[in-house]
N, C-alpha and C. Protein backbone atom coordinates (compact mmCIF):
# COMPACT_ATOMS: atom_id res chain seq x y z
N MET A 1 112.23 99.83 122.37
CA MET A 1 113.23 99.63 121.33
C MET A 1 113.10 100.71 120.25
N ALA A 2 114.22 101.31 119.93
CA ALA A 2 114.24 102.38 118.94
C ALA A 2 113.97 101.88 117.53
N HIS A 3 114.21 100.58 117.29
CA HIS A 3 113.99 100.01 115.96
C HIS A 3 112.95 98.91 115.99
N GLY A 4 111.96 99.05 116.85
CA GLY A 4 110.93 98.04 117.01
C GLY A 4 109.78 98.21 116.04
N ASP A 5 108.67 97.56 116.36
CA ASP A 5 107.49 97.57 115.50
C ASP A 5 106.95 98.98 115.26
N ASP A 6 107.04 99.85 116.29
CA ASP A 6 106.53 101.21 116.11
C ASP A 6 107.35 101.96 115.06
N HIS A 7 108.67 101.73 115.03
CA HIS A 7 109.52 102.32 113.99
C HIS A 7 109.10 101.80 112.62
N VAL A 8 108.89 100.52 112.50
CA VAL A 8 108.50 99.92 111.22
C VAL A 8 107.17 100.52 110.75
N MET A 9 106.22 100.69 111.66
CA MET A 9 104.92 101.25 111.28
C MET A 9 105.05 102.71 110.83
N ARG A 10 105.91 103.48 111.49
CA ARG A 10 106.12 104.87 111.05
C ARG A 10 106.78 104.90 109.67
N VAL A 11 107.79 104.04 109.46
CA VAL A 11 108.47 103.99 108.16
C VAL A 11 107.47 103.58 107.07
N LEU A 12 106.59 102.64 107.37
CA LEU A 12 105.54 102.25 106.41
C LEU A 12 104.69 103.45 106.01
N LYS A 13 104.24 104.23 107.00
CA LYS A 13 103.39 105.40 106.72
C LYS A 13 104.14 106.43 105.89
N ILE A 14 105.36 106.71 106.29
CA ILE A 14 106.16 107.71 105.57
C ILE A 14 106.45 107.23 104.16
N ALA A 15 106.82 105.96 104.02
CA ALA A 15 107.12 105.40 102.70
C ALA A 15 105.89 105.44 101.79
N ARG A 16 104.74 105.11 102.33
CA ARG A 16 103.49 105.17 101.55
C ARG A 16 103.26 106.60 101.07
N TYR A 17 103.38 107.55 101.96
CA TYR A 17 103.16 108.96 101.63
C TYR A 17 104.09 109.39 100.49
N ILE A 18 105.38 109.07 100.62
CA ILE A 18 106.34 109.46 99.59
C ILE A 18 106.06 108.72 98.28
N ALA A 19 105.83 107.41 98.35
CA ALA A 19 105.61 106.60 97.15
C ALA A 19 104.40 107.09 96.35
N GLU A 20 103.32 107.45 97.05
CA GLU A 20 102.12 107.92 96.36
C GLU A 20 102.38 109.23 95.63
N ARG A 21 103.25 110.07 96.17
CA ARG A 21 103.53 111.36 95.56
C ARG A 21 104.61 111.27 94.48
N GLU A 22 105.47 110.26 94.58
CA GLU A 22 106.57 110.13 93.62
C GLU A 22 106.27 109.15 92.49
N GLY A 23 105.13 108.45 92.56
CA GLY A 23 104.73 107.54 91.49
C GLY A 23 105.49 106.22 91.49
N ALA A 24 105.84 105.73 92.66
CA ALA A 24 106.59 104.48 92.77
C ALA A 24 105.65 103.28 92.80
N ASN A 25 106.25 102.09 92.69
CA ASN A 25 105.51 100.84 92.83
C ASN A 25 105.21 100.67 94.32
N LEU A 26 103.97 100.93 94.69
CA LEU A 26 103.58 100.95 96.10
C LEU A 26 103.76 99.59 96.77
N GLU A 27 103.46 98.51 96.05
CA GLU A 27 103.58 97.17 96.65
C GLU A 27 105.04 96.87 97.02
N VAL A 28 105.96 97.22 96.16
CA VAL A 28 107.39 97.00 96.45
C VAL A 28 107.81 97.84 97.65
N VAL A 29 107.42 99.10 97.65
CA VAL A 29 107.81 100.02 98.74
C VAL A 29 107.27 99.52 100.08
N LEU A 30 106.02 99.15 100.12
CA LEU A 30 105.41 98.74 101.39
C LEU A 30 105.98 97.43 101.91
N LYS A 31 106.21 96.48 101.02
CA LYS A 31 106.80 95.20 101.45
C LYS A 31 108.23 95.43 101.94
N ALA A 32 108.98 96.28 101.26
CA ALA A 32 110.34 96.59 101.69
C ALA A 32 110.34 97.29 103.04
N ALA A 33 109.42 98.23 103.23
CA ALA A 33 109.33 98.93 104.51
C ALA A 33 108.97 97.97 105.64
N GLU A 34 108.06 97.07 105.34
CA GLU A 34 107.62 96.08 106.34
C GLU A 34 108.78 95.20 106.81
N LEU A 35 109.68 94.85 105.91
CA LEU A 35 110.75 93.89 106.21
C LEU A 35 112.13 94.51 106.40
N HIS A 36 112.25 95.83 106.31
CA HIS A 36 113.57 96.46 106.25
C HIS A 36 114.46 96.26 107.47
N ASP A 37 113.89 96.08 108.62
CA ASP A 37 114.69 95.89 109.84
C ASP A 37 114.47 94.52 110.46
N SER A 38 114.15 93.53 109.65
CA SER A 38 113.88 92.18 110.16
C SER A 38 115.04 91.59 110.94
N CYS A 39 116.24 91.93 110.54
CA CYS A 39 117.45 91.40 111.20
C CYS A 39 118.26 92.54 111.83
N ARG A 40 117.56 93.45 112.45
CA ARG A 40 118.16 94.68 112.98
C ARG A 40 119.32 94.42 113.95
N ASN A 41 119.24 93.39 114.72
CA ASN A 41 120.27 93.16 115.74
C ASN A 41 121.49 92.41 115.24
N GLU A 42 121.56 92.21 113.93
CA GLU A 42 122.71 91.51 113.35
C GLU A 42 123.65 92.51 112.69
N GLU A 43 124.92 92.13 112.59
CA GLU A 43 125.87 92.96 111.89
C GLU A 43 125.45 93.06 110.43
N ASN A 44 125.60 94.26 109.86
CA ASN A 44 125.16 94.55 108.50
C ASN A 44 123.69 94.14 108.32
N HIS A 45 122.85 94.75 109.14
CA HIS A 45 121.44 94.36 109.22
C HIS A 45 120.70 94.51 107.89
N ALA A 46 121.10 95.47 107.06
CA ALA A 46 120.38 95.68 105.81
C ALA A 46 120.54 94.49 104.87
N VAL A 47 121.75 93.99 104.75
CA VAL A 47 122.00 92.83 103.88
C VAL A 47 121.32 91.60 104.45
N LYS A 48 121.42 91.41 105.76
CA LYS A 48 120.78 90.25 106.40
C LYS A 48 119.25 90.33 106.28
N SER A 49 118.70 91.53 106.43
CA SER A 49 117.25 91.70 106.30
C SER A 49 116.79 91.43 104.86
N ALA A 50 117.62 91.80 103.89
CA ALA A 50 117.30 91.52 102.48
C ALA A 50 117.31 90.02 102.22
N GLU A 51 118.27 89.32 102.78
CA GLU A 51 118.32 87.86 102.64
C GLU A 51 117.07 87.22 103.26
N PHE A 52 116.70 87.70 104.44
CA PHE A 52 115.50 87.22 105.12
C PHE A 52 114.27 87.49 104.25
N ALA A 53 114.18 88.69 103.69
CA ALA A 53 113.04 89.06 102.85
C ALA A 53 112.94 88.16 101.62
N ARG A 54 114.07 87.86 101.00
CA ARG A 54 114.06 86.96 99.84
C ARG A 54 113.43 85.61 100.20
N ALA A 55 113.83 85.06 101.33
CA ALA A 55 113.31 83.76 101.76
C ALA A 55 111.82 83.83 102.06
N VAL A 56 111.40 84.87 102.77
CA VAL A 56 109.98 85.02 103.13
C VAL A 56 109.13 85.21 101.89
N LEU A 57 109.55 86.10 101.00
CA LEU A 57 108.75 86.40 99.81
C LEU A 57 108.69 85.22 98.84
N LYS A 58 109.79 84.46 98.78
CA LYS A 58 109.77 83.25 97.93
C LYS A 58 108.75 82.26 98.47
N LYS A 59 108.73 82.04 99.80
CA LYS A 59 107.75 81.14 100.41
C LYS A 59 106.33 81.61 100.17
N GLN A 60 106.16 82.95 100.10
CA GLN A 60 104.82 83.51 99.89
C GLN A 60 104.42 83.50 98.41
N GLY A 61 105.32 83.05 97.53
CA GLY A 61 104.97 82.88 96.13
C GLY A 61 105.19 84.09 95.23
N TYR A 62 105.91 85.07 95.70
CA TYR A 62 106.18 86.25 94.86
C TYR A 62 107.19 85.88 93.76
N GLY A 63 107.13 86.60 92.66
CA GLY A 63 108.04 86.39 91.54
C GLY A 63 109.42 86.95 91.81
N GLU A 64 110.39 86.45 91.06
CA GLU A 64 111.79 86.82 91.25
C GLU A 64 112.04 88.33 91.08
N GLU A 65 111.40 88.94 90.10
CA GLU A 65 111.61 90.38 89.85
C GLU A 65 111.12 91.21 91.05
N PHE A 66 109.95 90.87 91.57
CA PHE A 66 109.41 91.56 92.74
C PHE A 66 110.32 91.36 93.94
N ILE A 67 110.73 90.12 94.16
CA ILE A 67 111.59 89.79 95.30
C ILE A 67 112.89 90.59 95.24
N GLU A 68 113.49 90.66 94.08
CA GLU A 68 114.76 91.39 93.94
C GLU A 68 114.57 92.89 94.10
N ALA A 69 113.43 93.42 93.66
CA ALA A 69 113.14 94.85 93.85
C ALA A 69 113.03 95.18 95.34
N VAL A 70 112.33 94.32 96.08
CA VAL A 70 112.18 94.51 97.53
C VAL A 70 113.54 94.34 98.21
N ALA A 71 114.27 93.31 97.85
CA ALA A 71 115.57 93.03 98.48
C ALA A 71 116.55 94.18 98.24
N HIS A 72 116.58 94.71 97.02
CA HIS A 72 117.49 95.83 96.74
C HIS A 72 117.13 97.03 97.60
N ALA A 73 115.85 97.33 97.71
CA ALA A 73 115.43 98.47 98.54
C ALA A 73 115.89 98.28 99.98
N ILE A 74 115.76 97.09 100.49
CA ILE A 74 116.18 96.81 101.87
C ILE A 74 117.69 96.92 102.00
N GLU A 75 118.43 96.33 101.08
CA GLU A 75 119.90 96.38 101.13
C GLU A 75 120.41 97.82 101.10
N ALA A 76 119.73 98.67 100.35
CA ALA A 76 120.22 100.04 100.13
C ALA A 76 119.65 101.07 101.10
N HIS A 77 118.84 100.66 102.07
CA HIS A 77 118.19 101.65 102.93
C HIS A 77 119.09 102.21 104.03
N SER A 78 120.13 101.49 104.38
CA SER A 78 120.93 101.84 105.54
C SER A 78 121.86 103.03 105.29
N PHE A 79 121.87 103.97 106.23
CA PHE A 79 122.74 105.15 106.16
C PHE A 79 124.20 104.75 106.04
N SER A 80 124.59 103.75 106.81
CA SER A 80 126.00 103.38 106.87
C SER A 80 126.34 102.13 106.05
N GLY A 81 125.36 101.58 105.35
CA GLY A 81 125.58 100.33 104.62
C GLY A 81 126.43 100.45 103.37
N GLY A 82 126.47 101.63 102.78
CA GLY A 82 127.32 101.86 101.62
C GLY A 82 126.77 101.34 100.30
N ILE A 83 125.52 100.90 100.26
CA ILE A 83 124.91 100.43 99.01
C ILE A 83 124.02 101.55 98.49
N GLU A 84 124.30 102.01 97.29
CA GLU A 84 123.55 103.11 96.69
C GLU A 84 122.22 102.60 96.13
N PRO A 85 121.10 103.24 96.48
CA PRO A 85 119.81 102.83 95.92
C PRO A 85 119.75 103.14 94.43
N LYS A 86 119.37 102.14 93.64
CA LYS A 86 119.34 102.29 92.18
C LYS A 86 117.93 102.52 91.64
N THR A 87 116.92 102.21 92.43
CA THR A 87 115.54 102.34 91.97
C THR A 87 114.82 103.41 92.79
N LEU A 88 113.73 103.90 92.23
CA LEU A 88 112.91 104.87 92.97
C LEU A 88 112.42 104.26 94.27
N GLU A 89 112.01 103.00 94.23
CA GLU A 89 111.49 102.33 95.44
C GLU A 89 112.56 102.24 96.52
N ALA A 90 113.79 101.95 96.14
CA ALA A 90 114.90 101.88 97.10
C ALA A 90 115.19 103.27 97.68
N LYS A 91 115.13 104.28 96.85
CA LYS A 91 115.36 105.65 97.32
C LYS A 91 114.27 106.06 98.31
N ILE A 92 113.05 105.64 98.05
CA ILE A 92 111.93 105.98 98.94
C ILE A 92 112.10 105.31 100.29
N LEU A 93 112.44 104.04 100.31
CA LEU A 93 112.65 103.38 101.61
C LEU A 93 113.79 104.03 102.37
N SER A 94 114.87 104.32 101.70
CA SER A 94 116.00 105.00 102.33
C SER A 94 115.54 106.34 102.92
N ASP A 95 114.79 107.10 102.14
CA ASP A 95 114.30 108.40 102.61
C ASP A 95 113.36 108.24 103.81
N ALA A 96 112.44 107.30 103.74
CA ALA A 96 111.47 107.12 104.83
C ALA A 96 112.18 106.74 106.13
N ASP A 97 113.17 105.88 106.03
CA ASP A 97 113.92 105.47 107.22
C ASP A 97 114.67 106.67 107.80
N LYS A 98 115.24 107.50 106.95
CA LYS A 98 115.95 108.69 107.41
C LYS A 98 115.00 109.71 108.05
N ILE A 99 113.84 109.90 107.43
CA ILE A 99 112.86 110.84 107.98
C ILE A 99 112.48 110.43 109.40
N ASP A 100 112.34 109.13 109.65
CA ASP A 100 111.98 108.68 111.00
C ASP A 100 113.10 108.90 112.00
N ALA A 101 114.30 109.16 111.54
CA ALA A 101 115.43 109.44 112.44
C ALA A 101 115.61 110.94 112.67
N MET A 102 114.69 111.73 112.14
CA MET A 102 114.77 113.18 112.27
C MET A 102 113.62 113.70 113.14
N GLY A 103 113.70 114.97 113.51
CA GLY A 103 112.64 115.61 114.27
C GLY A 103 112.57 115.11 115.70
N ALA A 104 111.43 115.35 116.33
CA ALA A 104 111.25 114.96 117.73
C ALA A 104 111.38 113.45 117.91
N ILE A 105 110.85 112.69 116.96
CA ILE A 105 110.97 111.23 117.04
C ILE A 105 112.43 110.83 116.94
N GLY A 106 113.17 111.48 116.06
CA GLY A 106 114.60 111.19 115.92
C GLY A 106 115.37 111.44 117.21
N VAL A 107 115.05 112.54 117.88
CA VAL A 107 115.69 112.84 119.16
C VAL A 107 115.34 111.75 120.17
N ALA A 108 114.06 111.42 120.26
CA ALA A 108 113.63 110.38 121.21
C ALA A 108 114.33 109.06 120.91
N ARG A 109 114.39 108.68 119.64
CA ARG A 109 115.03 107.42 119.28
C ARG A 109 116.52 107.44 119.61
N ALA A 110 117.19 108.56 119.36
CA ALA A 110 118.62 108.65 119.64
C ALA A 110 118.88 108.41 121.13
N PHE A 111 118.04 108.97 121.98
CA PHE A 111 118.25 108.78 123.41
C PHE A 111 117.75 107.43 123.90
N MET A 112 116.80 106.83 123.18
CA MET A 112 116.41 105.45 123.50
C MET A 112 117.59 104.51 123.24
N VAL A 113 118.24 104.68 122.09
CA VAL A 113 119.42 103.86 121.77
C VAL A 113 120.51 104.11 122.80
N ALA A 114 120.69 105.37 123.18
CA ALA A 114 121.71 105.69 124.19
C ALA A 114 121.43 104.93 125.48
N GLY A 115 120.17 104.90 125.87
CA GLY A 115 119.80 104.16 127.08
C GLY A 115 120.02 102.67 126.94
N GLU A 116 119.66 102.13 125.77
CA GLU A 116 119.83 100.70 125.51
C GLU A 116 121.30 100.30 125.55
N LYS A 117 122.17 101.20 125.07
CA LYS A 117 123.59 100.88 124.97
C LYS A 117 124.43 101.48 126.09
N GLY A 118 123.79 102.20 127.01
CA GLY A 118 124.52 102.80 128.12
C GLY A 118 125.42 103.96 127.70
N ARG A 119 125.02 104.70 126.68
CA ARG A 119 125.82 105.83 126.21
C ARG A 119 125.52 107.09 127.02
N LYS A 120 126.52 107.93 127.13
CA LYS A 120 126.36 109.22 127.80
C LYS A 120 125.80 110.25 126.81
N ILE A 121 125.37 111.39 127.34
CA ILE A 121 124.82 112.46 126.50
C ILE A 121 125.83 112.87 125.43
N GLU A 122 127.08 113.07 125.81
CA GLU A 122 128.10 113.51 124.85
C GLU A 122 128.26 112.51 123.70
N GLU A 123 128.20 111.23 124.02
CA GLU A 123 128.30 110.20 122.97
C GLU A 123 127.11 110.28 122.02
N THR A 124 125.95 110.56 122.57
CA THR A 124 124.74 110.67 121.75
C THR A 124 124.82 111.91 120.87
N LEU A 125 125.37 112.99 121.39
CA LEU A 125 125.52 114.20 120.58
C LEU A 125 126.53 113.99 119.46
N LYS A 126 127.49 113.13 119.67
CA LYS A 126 128.42 112.78 118.59
C LYS A 126 127.64 112.08 117.47
N HIS A 127 126.65 111.26 117.84
CA HIS A 127 125.79 110.61 116.86
C HIS A 127 125.01 111.66 116.05
N PHE A 128 124.56 112.72 116.71
CA PHE A 128 123.90 113.82 116.00
C PHE A 128 124.86 114.39 114.95
N GLU A 129 126.10 114.64 115.36
CA GLU A 129 127.09 115.26 114.47
C GLU A 129 127.46 114.34 113.31
N GLU A 130 127.64 113.07 113.59
CA GLU A 130 128.10 112.12 112.57
C GLU A 130 126.99 111.63 111.65
N LYS A 131 125.74 111.65 112.13
CA LYS A 131 124.67 111.07 111.33
C LYS A 131 123.42 111.95 111.24
N LEU A 132 122.77 112.19 112.35
CA LEU A 132 121.44 112.79 112.32
C LEU A 132 121.40 114.15 111.62
N LEU A 133 122.38 114.99 111.89
CA LEU A 133 122.40 116.32 111.27
C LEU A 133 122.81 116.28 109.80
N LYS A 134 123.22 115.12 109.30
CA LYS A 134 123.60 114.95 107.90
C LYS A 134 122.52 114.28 107.06
N LEU A 135 121.47 113.81 107.70
CA LEU A 135 120.44 113.05 106.98
C LEU A 135 119.76 113.86 105.88
N LYS A 136 119.45 115.12 106.16
CA LYS A 136 118.71 115.95 105.19
C LYS A 136 119.45 116.02 103.85
N GLU A 137 120.75 116.13 103.90
CA GLU A 137 121.52 116.26 102.65
C GLU A 137 121.67 114.94 101.90
N ARG A 138 121.24 113.84 102.51
CA ARG A 138 121.36 112.53 101.87
C ARG A 138 120.02 111.97 101.42
N LEU A 139 119.01 112.81 101.34
CA LEU A 139 117.70 112.39 100.87
C LEU A 139 117.66 112.44 99.34
N TYR A 140 116.83 111.59 98.76
CA TYR A 140 116.75 111.46 97.30
C TYR A 140 115.54 112.13 96.68
N THR A 141 114.37 111.97 97.27
CA THR A 141 113.14 112.42 96.62
C THR A 141 112.76 113.83 97.07
N GLU A 142 112.09 114.54 96.19
CA GLU A 142 111.63 115.90 96.51
C GLU A 142 110.62 115.87 97.66
N THR A 143 109.76 114.86 97.66
CA THR A 143 108.77 114.74 98.74
C THR A 143 109.46 114.60 100.09
N ALA A 144 110.47 113.76 100.16
CA ALA A 144 111.20 113.57 101.43
C ALA A 144 111.92 114.85 101.83
N LYS A 145 112.49 115.53 100.87
CA LYS A 145 113.20 116.78 101.19
C LYS A 145 112.26 117.80 101.81
N LYS A 146 111.03 117.86 101.32
CA LYS A 146 110.03 118.77 101.91
C LYS A 146 109.65 118.31 103.32
N LEU A 147 109.45 117.01 103.49
CA LEU A 147 109.11 116.48 104.82
C LEU A 147 110.23 116.74 105.82
N ALA A 148 111.45 116.72 105.34
CA ALA A 148 112.62 116.83 106.23
C ALA A 148 112.87 118.24 106.74
N GLU A 149 112.39 119.24 106.06
CA GLU A 149 112.74 120.62 106.42
C GLU A 149 112.47 120.93 107.89
N LYS A 150 111.24 120.74 108.32
CA LYS A 150 110.86 121.06 109.71
C LYS A 150 111.56 120.14 110.70
N ARG A 151 111.66 118.87 110.36
CA ARG A 151 112.32 117.92 111.25
C ARG A 151 113.80 118.24 111.42
N HIS A 152 114.44 118.63 110.33
CA HIS A 152 115.87 118.98 110.40
C HIS A 152 116.06 120.23 111.26
N GLU A 153 115.20 121.20 111.09
CA GLU A 153 115.30 122.42 111.91
C GLU A 153 115.13 122.09 113.39
N PHE A 154 114.22 121.17 113.71
CA PHE A 154 114.04 120.77 115.10
C PHE A 154 115.31 120.10 115.64
N LEU A 155 115.89 119.20 114.84
CA LEU A 155 117.14 118.53 115.25
C LEU A 155 118.22 119.56 115.54
N LYS A 156 118.40 120.52 114.65
CA LYS A 156 119.41 121.56 114.84
C LYS A 156 119.14 122.36 116.11
N PHE A 157 117.88 122.76 116.29
CA PHE A 157 117.51 123.54 117.47
C PHE A 157 117.81 122.76 118.75
N PHE A 158 117.37 121.51 118.79
CA PHE A 158 117.61 120.67 119.97
C PHE A 158 119.10 120.53 120.24
N TYR A 159 119.86 120.22 119.21
CA TYR A 159 121.31 120.04 119.34
C TYR A 159 121.97 121.31 119.88
N GLU A 160 121.61 122.45 119.32
CA GLU A 160 122.21 123.71 119.78
C GLU A 160 121.82 124.02 121.22
N GLU A 161 120.57 123.76 121.58
CA GLU A 161 120.11 124.02 122.95
C GLU A 161 120.80 123.12 123.97
N ILE A 162 120.90 121.85 123.67
CA ILE A 162 121.53 120.94 124.63
C ILE A 162 123.03 121.24 124.76
N ARG A 163 123.65 121.66 123.66
CA ARG A 163 125.06 122.07 123.72
C ARG A 163 125.22 123.27 124.65
N LYS A 164 124.32 124.24 124.54
CA LYS A 164 124.36 125.43 125.42
C LYS A 164 124.20 125.01 126.88
N GLU A 165 123.25 124.13 127.12
CA GLU A 165 123.02 123.70 128.51
C GLU A 165 124.21 122.93 129.05
N LEU A 166 124.80 122.10 128.23
CA LEU A 166 125.99 121.35 128.69
C LEU A 166 127.16 122.29 128.95
N ASP A 167 127.25 123.37 128.18
CA ASP A 167 128.30 124.36 128.38
C ASP A 167 127.91 125.40 129.41
N PHE A 168 126.71 125.26 129.98
CA PHE A 168 126.15 126.14 131.01
C PHE A 168 126.09 127.59 130.54
N GLU A 169 125.57 127.78 129.33
CA GLU A 169 125.39 129.11 128.78
C GLU A 169 123.97 129.57 129.07
N PHE A 170 123.83 130.83 129.38
CA PHE A 170 122.51 131.40 129.61
C PHE A 170 122.15 132.35 128.50
N ASP A 171 120.87 132.39 128.21
CA ASP A 171 120.37 133.35 127.22
C ASP A 171 120.58 134.73 127.80
N LYS A 172 121.22 135.60 127.09
CA LYS A 172 121.56 136.94 127.60
C LYS A 172 120.38 137.90 127.58
N ASN A 173 119.25 137.52 126.99
CA ASN A 173 118.10 138.43 126.90
C ASN A 173 117.35 138.51 128.19
């Protein structure tokens, strides 16, 4: 699964790295990262995951301010969700999730989703055009922007190479 536990663990690591460098509330960031895809298979998963997080955190005895900080970060993490992150912690979760969709892991995940949904290569490359190649420009923190540089270059290289192969172009050198 492209959005399974391994994805959550990578987002946790990336979010921790960014949060420590950006001076964010680490507890909020980590709890939001842990719960951000809890309802991944539902429509509007970010809002549903935030609702789930509110219920879980309330049962665990967290205060309302903490719960709302975590819930906002989760609601605002989605590329296509349309909710703008208002806090540093929400921006960090959004960035960490985007970073995990870039680079070699991003390529692997894109094709895992393609396999799960029965998509063809061309359909997956459309996903690169509509989303993956636009992620770098939608990052918020300076730390994430630095992390994204190499991963974005890899995405571009892969995309250009597969396009050449699909068009049956040969290197002229």
